Amino acid sequence: MGNSLGAGKIIFIVMAAILAISLVAYGVMRITVFADQAESKMTLSSGEFNQQWKAYGNSSNGADLTTLIEAIVKNNKNNKSEASMLVDVAYQVAETDDFTIIKSTVKSPNYEKLEKIKNDFKPQHGYFLEYITSKSTGNISGIIIKYGRNQKADFTPDET
């Protein structure tokens, strides 16, 4: 029995392995969170920045708009000090509604207003999207969500 391990040594090895695995898992989790934050703050080309919004196409149902609004809120929170990266929204929930405009600026990002509207859209209705591009940066600076294709919104995004 010269090479046999005692029960105490086995327990010690198992506990050390559990601790090592836990530390590695914690490290991976922290790196993932850091990477997510860094990714949304990193400088994107106009094409990359715009593609995240244009991925929703020219029409989306109300359920997809919830996801779009959540993405705008996340973008505006992560880029709150970068005026050129903020996205404003003009929207219409029903055909007879006037357009409501929510502008996001460095001084007033309006996350709360955006978060409140994300569930207002009718899940099965097809809404129409129009994108407004900044002449100075080439980034999409505003998104118009229209109840009907022919609705017109008088909307100029704020770029401050």
C-alpha atoms as a PDB file:
ATOM      1  CA  MET A   1       0.000   0.000   0.000  1.00  0.00           C
ATOM      2  CA  GLY A   2       2.864   2.318  -0.643  1.00  0.00           C
ATOM      3  CA  ASN A   3       1.124   4.368  -3.330  1.00  0.00           C
ATOM      4  CA  SER A   4      -2.437   4.416  -2.024  1.00  0.00           C
ATOM      5  CA  LEU A   5      -4.136   7.727  -1.455  1.00  0.00           C
ATOM      6  CA  GLY A   6      -5.904   8.332   1.809  1.00  0.00           C
ATOM      7  CA  ALA A   7      -9.491   9.572   1.999  1.00  0.00           C
ATOM      8  CA  GLY A   8      -8.255  12.982   3.152  1.00  0.00           C
ATOM      9  CA  LYS A   9      -6.023  13.407   0.112  1.00  0.00           C
ATOM     10  CA  ILE A  10      -8.831  12.411  -2.266  1.00  0.00           C
ATOM     11  CA  ILE A  11     -11.212  14.915  -0.667  1.00  0.00           C
ATOM     12  CA  PHE A  12      -8.520  17.602  -0.898  1.00  0.00           C
ATOM     13  CA  ILE A  13      -7.925  16.897  -4.607  1.00  0.00           C
ATOM     14  CA  VAL A  14     -11.676  16.931  -5.379  1.00  0.00           C
ATOM     15  CA  MET A  15     -12.161  20.217  -3.502  1.00  0.00           C
ATOM     16  CA  ALA A  16      -9.163  21.790  -5.262  1.00  0.00           C
ATOM     17  CA  ALA A  17     -10.575  20.700  -8.641  1.00  0.00           C
ATOM     18  CA  ILE A  18     -14.002  22.168  -7.807  1.00  0.00           C
ATOM     19  CA  LEU A  19     -12.385  25.443  -6.733  1.00  0.00           C
ATOM     20  CA  ALA A  20     -10.292  25.612  -9.919  1.00  0.00           C
ATOM     21  CA  ILE A  21     -13.323  24.941 -12.132  1.00  0.00           C
ATOM     22  CA  SER A  22     -15.347  27.580 -10.274  1.00  0.00           C
ATOM     23  CA  LEU A  23     -12.613  30.189 -10.704  1.00  0.00           C
ATOM     24  CA  VAL A  24     -12.299  29.441 -14.419  1.00  0.00           C
ATOM     25  CA  ALA A  25     -16.102  29.656 -14.881  1.00  0.00           C
ATOM     26  CA  TYR A  26     -16.202  32.982 -13.008  1.00  0.00           C
ATOM     27  CA  GLY A  27     -13.358  34.335 -15.162  1.00  0.00           C
ATOM     28  CA  VAL A  28     -15.084  33.300 -18.391  1.00  0.00           C
ATOM     29  CA  MET A  29     -18.318  34.944 -17.216  1.00  0.00           C
ATOM     30  CA  ARG A  30     -16.525  38.219 -16.412  1.00  0.00           C
ATOM     31  CA  ILE A  31     -14.710  38.210 -19.762  1.00  0.00           C
ATOM     32  CA  THR A  32     -18.005  37.646 -21.582  1.00  0.00           C
ATOM     33  CA  VAL A  33     -19.688  40.573 -19.793  1.00  0.00           C
ATOM     34  CA  PHE A  34     -16.683  42.803 -20.480  1.00  0.00           C
ATOM     35  CA  ALA A  35     -16.626  41.772 -24.155  1.00  0.00           C
ATOM     36  CA  ASP A  36     -20.363  42.486 -24.545  1.00  0.00           C
ATOM     37  CA  GLN A  37     -19.909  45.970 -23.108  1.00  0.00           C
ATOM     38  CA  ALA A  38     -16.797  46.637 -25.167  1.00  0.00           C
ATOM     39  CA  GLU A  39     -18.435  45.369 -28.349  1.00  0.00           C
ATOM     40  CA  SER A  40     -21.315  47.791 -28.154  1.00  0.00           C
ATOM     41  CA  LYS A  41     -18.956  50.680 -27.317  1.00  0.00           C
ATOM     42  CA  MET A  42     -16.324  49.947 -29.932  1.00  0.00           C
ATOM     43  CA  THR A  43     -16.208  52.237 -32.895  1.00  0.00           C
ATOM     44  CA  LEU A  44     -18.153  50.713 -35.731  1.00  0.00           C
ATOM     45  CA  SER A  45     -18.024  51.749 -39.331  1.00  0.00           C
ATOM     46  CA  SER A  46     -21.217  53.430 -40.517  1.00  0.00           C
ATOM     47  CA  GLY A  47     -22.082  50.297 -42.467  1.00  0.00           C
ATOM     48  CA  GLU A  48     -21.727  48.050 -39.419  1.00  0.00           C
ATOM     49  CA  PHE A  49     -23.602  50.470 -37.183  1.00  0.00           C
ATOM     50  CA  ASN A  50     -26.416  50.846 -39.708  1.00  0.00           C
ATOM     51  CA  GLN A  51     -26.680  47.129 -40.421  1.00  0.00           C
ATOM     52  CA  GLN A  52     -27.765  46.371 -36.866  1.00  0.00           C
ATOM     53  CA  TRP A  53     -30.853  48.513 -37.490  1.00  0.00           C
ATOM     54  CA  LYS A  54     -31.464  47.656 -41.129  1.00  0.00           C
ATOM     55  CA  ALA A  55     -31.546  43.986 -40.150  1.00  0.00           C
ATOM     56  CA  TYR A  56     -35.170  44.689 -39.157  1.00  0.00           C
ATOM     57  CA  GLY A  57     -35.962  45.460 -42.799  1.00  0.00           C
ATOM     58  CA  ASN A  58     -38.566  47.888 -44.035  1.00  0.00           C
ATOM     59  CA  SER A  59     -41.397  46.231 -42.143  1.00  0.00           C
ATOM     60  CA  SER A  60     -41.645  44.350 -38.867  1.00  0.00           C
ATOM     61  CA  ASN A  61     -44.440  42.994 -36.748  1.00  0.00           C
ATOM     62  CA  GLY A  62     -45.093  44.421 -33.304  1.00  0.00           C
ATOM     63  CA  ALA A  63     -43.286  41.553 -31.587  1.00  0.00           C
ATOM     64  CA  ASP A  64     -40.086  42.283 -33.547  1.00  0.00           C
ATOM     65  CA  LEU A  65     -40.400  45.970 -32.690  1.00  0.00           C
ATOM     66  CA  THR A  66     -40.092  45.055 -29.005  1.00  0.00           C
ATOM     67  CA  THR A  67     -36.679  43.596 -29.804  1.00  0.00           C
ATOM     68  CA  LEU A  68     -35.757  46.622 -31.922  1.00  0.00           C
ATOM     69  CA  ILE A  69     -36.658  49.050 -29.121  1.00  0.00           C
ATOM     70  CA  GLU A  70     -34.655  46.962 -26.623  1.00  0.00           C
ATOM     71  CA  ALA A  71     -31.660  47.124 -28.990  1.00  0.00           C
ATOM     72  CA  ILE A  72     -32.030  50.917 -29.308  1.00  0.00           C
ATOM     73  CA  VAL A  73     -32.193  51.284 -25.515  1.00  0.00           C
ATOM     74  CA  LYS A  74     -29.056  49.124 -25.102  1.00  0.00           C
ATOM     75  CA  ASN A  75     -27.246  51.055 -27.845  1.00  0.00           C
ATOM     76  CA  ASN A  76     -28.181  54.441 -26.374  1.00  0.00           C
ATOM     77  CA  LYS A  77     -27.150  53.380 -22.857  1.00  0.00           C
ATOM     78  CA  ASN A  78     -23.802  52.043 -24.048  1.00  0.00           C
ATOM     79  CA  ASN A  79     -23.101  55.100 -26.214  1.00  0.00           C
ATOM     80  CA  LYS A  80     -24.657  57.796 -24.032  1.00  0.00           C
ATOM     81  CA  SER A  81     -21.639  60.097 -24.383  1.00  0.00           C
ATOM     82  CA  GLU A  82     -21.398  59.683 -28.188  1.00  0.00           C
ATOM     83  CA  ALA A  83     -24.037  61.859 -29.855  1.00  0.00           C
ATOM     84  CA  SER A  84     -23.282  60.344 -33.266  1.00  0.00           C
ATOM     85  CA  MET A  85     -24.199  56.861 -31.994  1.00  0.00           C
ATOM     86  CA  LEU A  86     -27.572  57.723 -30.430  1.00  0.00           C
ATOM     87  CA  VAL A  87     -30.751  56.717 -32.238  1.00  0.00           C
ATOM     88  CA  ASP A  88     -33.997  58.704 -32.029  1.00  0.00           C
ATOM     89  CA  VAL A  89     -37.430  57.196 -32.639  1.00  0.00           C
ATOM     90  CA  ALA A  90     -40.656  58.549 -34.102  1.00  0.00           C
ATOM     91  CA  TYR A  91     -43.488  56.056 -33.792  1.00  0.00           C
ATOM     92  CA  GLN A  92     -47.160  55.506 -34.332  1.00  0.00           C
ATOM     93  CA  VAL A  93     -48.972  52.642 -32.556  1.00  0.00           C
ATOM     94  CA  ALA A  94     -52.332  52.928 -34.353  1.00  0.00           C
ATOM     95  CA  GLU A  95     -53.323  54.336 -37.727  1.00  0.00           C
ATOM     96  CA  THR A  96     -55.152  57.335 -36.269  1.00  0.00           C
ATOM     97  CA  ASP A  97     -52.363  58.231 -33.830  1.00  0.00           C
ATOM     98  CA  ASP A  98     -50.103  61.196 -34.346  1.00  0.00           C
ATOM     99  CA  PHE A  99     -46.410  60.403 -34.361  1.00  0.00           C
ATOM    100  CA  THR A 100     -44.702  60.508 -30.994  1.00  0.00           C
ATOM    101  CA  ILE A 101     -41.042  61.482 -31.088  1.00  0.00           C
ATOM    102  CA  ILE A 102     -38.457  60.346 -28.559  1.00  0.00           C
ATOM    103  CA  LYS A 103     -35.124  62.053 -29.005  1.00  0.00           C
ATOM    104  CA  SER A 104     -32.008  60.813 -27.253  1.00  0.00           C
ATOM    105  CA  THR A 105     -29.237  63.291 -26.574  1.00  0.00           C
ATOM    106  CA  VAL A 106     -26.078  63.161 -24.504  1.00  0.00           C
ATOM    107  CA  LYS A 107     -27.810  65.384 -21.920  1.00  0.00           C
ATOM    108  CA  SER A 108     -31.141  63.569 -22.076  1.00  0.00           C
ATOM    109  CA  PRO A 109     -30.905  59.972 -23.345  1.00  0.00           C
ATOM    110  CA  ASN A 110     -34.589  59.166 -22.573  1.00  0.00           C
ATOM    111  CA  TYR A 111     -34.087  55.431 -21.886  1.00  0.00           C
ATOM    112  CA  GLU A 112     -37.178  55.318 -19.703  1.00  0.00           C
ATOM    113  CA  LYS A 113     -39.460  56.688 -22.427  1.00  0.00           C
ATOM    114  CA  LEU A 114     -38.136  54.155 -24.918  1.00  0.00           C
ATOM    115  CA  GLU A 115     -38.491  51.267 -22.471  1.00  0.00           C
ATOM    116  CA  LYS A 116     -42.118  52.229 -21.788  1.00  0.00           C
ATOM    117  CA  ILE A 117     -43.173  51.980 -25.442  1.00  0.00           C
ATOM    118  CA  LYS A 118     -41.604  48.638 -26.306  1.00  0.00           C
ATOM    119  CA  ASN A 119     -44.782  46.675 -25.529  1.00  0.00           C
ATOM    120  CA  ASP A 120     -47.237  49.182 -27.038  1.00  0.00           C
ATOM    121  CA  PHE A 121     -47.101  47.754 -30.556  1.00  0.00           C
ATOM    122  CA  LYS A 122     -49.708  45.223 -31.708  1.00  0.00           C
ATOM    123  CA  PRO A 123     -47.824  41.903 -31.978  1.00  0.00           C
ATOM    124  CA  GLN A 124     -49.502  40.685 -35.184  1.00  0.00           C
ATOM    125  CA  HIS A 125     -49.628  44.007 -37.051  1.00  0.00           C
ATOM    126  CA  GLY A 126     -47.001  44.735 -39.689  1.00  0.00           C
ATOM    127  CA  TYR A 127     -45.423  48.134 -39.066  1.00  0.00           C
ATOM    128  CA  PHE A 128     -43.283  49.949 -41.619  1.00  0.00           C
ATOM    129  CA  LEU A 129     -39.802  51.209 -40.820  1.00  0.00           C
ATOM    130  CA  GLU A 130     -37.991  54.178 -42.302  1.00  0.00           C
ATOM    131  CA  TYR A 131     -34.377  54.978 -41.491  1.00  0.00           C
ATOM    132  CA  ILE A 132     -32.914  58.477 -41.325  1.00  0.00           C
ATOM    133  CA  THR A 133     -29.190  58.783 -41.910  1.00  0.00           C
ATOM    134  CA  SER A 134     -27.071  61.601 -40.533  1.00  0.00           C
ATOM    135  CA  LYS A 135     -25.500  63.684 -43.274  1.00  0.00           C
ATOM    136  CA  SER A 136     -22.458  64.377 -41.096  1.00  0.00           C
ATOM    137  CA  THR A 137     -21.640  60.831 -39.896  1.00  0.00           C
ATOM    138  CA  GLY A 138     -23.452  58.474 -42.257  1.00  0.00           C
ATOM    139  CA  ASN A 139     -24.901  56.685 -39.211  1.00  0.00           C
ATOM    140  CA  ILE A 140     -28.596  56.010 -38.830  1.00  0.00           C
ATOM    141  CA  SER A 141     -29.691  58.653 -36.349  1.00  0.00           C
ATOM    142  CA  GLY A 142     -33.430  58.072 -36.416  1.00  0.00           C
ATOM    143  CA  ILE A 143     -35.965  55.340 -37.042  1.00  0.00           C
ATOM    144  CA  ILE A 144     -39.588  56.025 -37.943  1.00  0.00           C
ATOM    145  CA  ILE A 145     -42.079  53.299 -37.048  1.00  0.00           C
ATOM    146  CA  LYS A 146     -45.247  53.789 -39.094  1.00  0.00           C
ATOM    147  CA  TYR A 147     -48.590  52.021 -38.719  1.00  0.00           C
ATOM    148  CA  GLY A 148     -49.246  52.262 -42.451  1.00  0.00           C
ATOM    149  CA  ARG A 149     -46.889  52.418 -45.406  1.00  0.00           C
ATOM    150  CA  ASN A 150     -48.110  55.842 -46.591  1.00  0.00           C
ATOM    151  CA  GLN A 151     -48.003  57.602 -43.222  1.00  0.00           C
ATOM    152  CA  LYS A 152     -45.755  60.655 -43.145  1.00  0.00           C
ATOM    153  CA  ALA A 153     -43.776  61.835 -40.143  1.00  0.00           C
ATOM    154  CA  ASP A 154     -42.182  65.248 -39.836  1.00  0.00           C
ATOM    155  CA  PHE A 155     -39.088  64.080 -37.975  1.00  0.00           C
ATOM    156  CA  THR A 156     -35.514  65.280 -37.838  1.00  0.00           C
ATOM    157  CA  PRO A 157     -33.295  63.375 -35.384  1.00  0.00           C
ATOM    158  CA  ASP A 158     -31.328  65.363 -32.819  1.00  0.00           C
ATOM    159  CA  GLU A 159     -27.592  64.883 -33.240  1.00  0.00           C
ATOM    160  CA  THR A 160     -26.419  66.565 -30.035  1.00  0.00           C
END
